[in-house]
Amino acid sequence: MAKPAPPRPKKPPLTDAERHARFKEMAQEVIADEDPASFDRAFASVTTAPKP
């Protein structure tokens, strides 16, 4: 019977500044569009209209 893997040490949570920096880096990496109309089109394509 194999031994279970030792638990990994927990990483400390990111600060707001670190989280913001990672967000900006990823946005640049995926060439995110800053145009609000682009967001509206993308959001509309993944949501459905509310049912009456």
Protein backbone atom coordinates (compact mmCIF):
# COMPACT_ATOMS: atom_id res chain seq x y z
CA MET A 1 0.00 0.00 0.00
CA ALA A 2 1.39 3.40 -1.03
CA LYS A 3 1.91 6.13 1.52
CA PRO A 4 -0.19 9.27 1.08
CA ALA A 5 1.63 12.32 -0.20
CA PRO A 6 2.69 14.80 2.46
CA PRO A 7 0.46 17.87 2.67
CA ARG A 8 1.64 20.86 0.68
CA PRO A 9 2.38 24.04 2.57
CA LYS A 10 -0.33 26.66 2.07
CA LYS A 11 0.59 29.73 0.07
CA PRO A 12 -0.18 33.08 1.67
CA PRO A 13 -3.13 34.90 0.06
CA LEU A 14 -2.34 37.52 -2.56
CA THR A 15 -2.50 41.16 -1.65
CA ASP A 16 -4.77 43.45 -3.65
CA ALA A 17 -1.74 44.92 -5.42
CA GLU A 18 -0.44 41.46 -6.39
CA ARG A 19 -3.88 40.39 -7.59
CA HIS A 20 -4.21 43.56 -9.67
CA ALA A 21 -0.76 43.04 -11.22
CA ARG A 22 -1.62 39.43 -12.16
CA PHE A 23 -4.91 40.58 -13.67
CA LYS A 24 -3.17 43.21 -15.81
CA GLU A 25 -0.49 40.73 -16.95
CA MET A 26 -3.13 38.20 -18.00
CA ALA A 27 -5.17 40.88 -19.81
CA GLN A 28 -2.07 41.85 -21.80
CA GLU A 29 -1.25 38.21 -22.50
CA VAL A 30 -4.66 37.47 -23.98
CA ILE A 31 -4.79 40.86 -25.73
CA ALA A 32 -7.97 41.90 -23.93
CA ASP A 33 -10.15 44.56 -25.56
CA GLU A 34 -10.97 47.60 -23.41
CA ASP A 35 -13.99 48.62 -25.51
CA PRO A 36 -17.23 48.36 -23.46
CA ALA A 37 -19.13 47.29 -26.59
CA SER A 38 -16.83 44.25 -26.90
CA PHE A 39 -17.70 43.26 -23.34
CA ASP A 40 -21.43 43.67 -24.02
CA ARG A 41 -21.22 41.43 -27.12
CA ALA A 42 -19.24 38.76 -25.27
CA PHE A 43 -21.54 38.89 -22.24
CA ALA A 44 -24.65 38.62 -24.43
CA SER A 45 -23.19 35.57 -26.16
CA VAL A 46 -22.85 33.60 -22.90
CA THR A 47 -26.05 34.67 -21.12
CA THR A 48 -29.70 34.11 -21.81
CA ALA A 49 -32.55 36.56 -21.66
CA PRO A 50 -34.53 36.49 -18.42
CA LYS A 51 -37.78 34.55 -18.60
CA PRO A 52 -40.97 36.58 -18.05
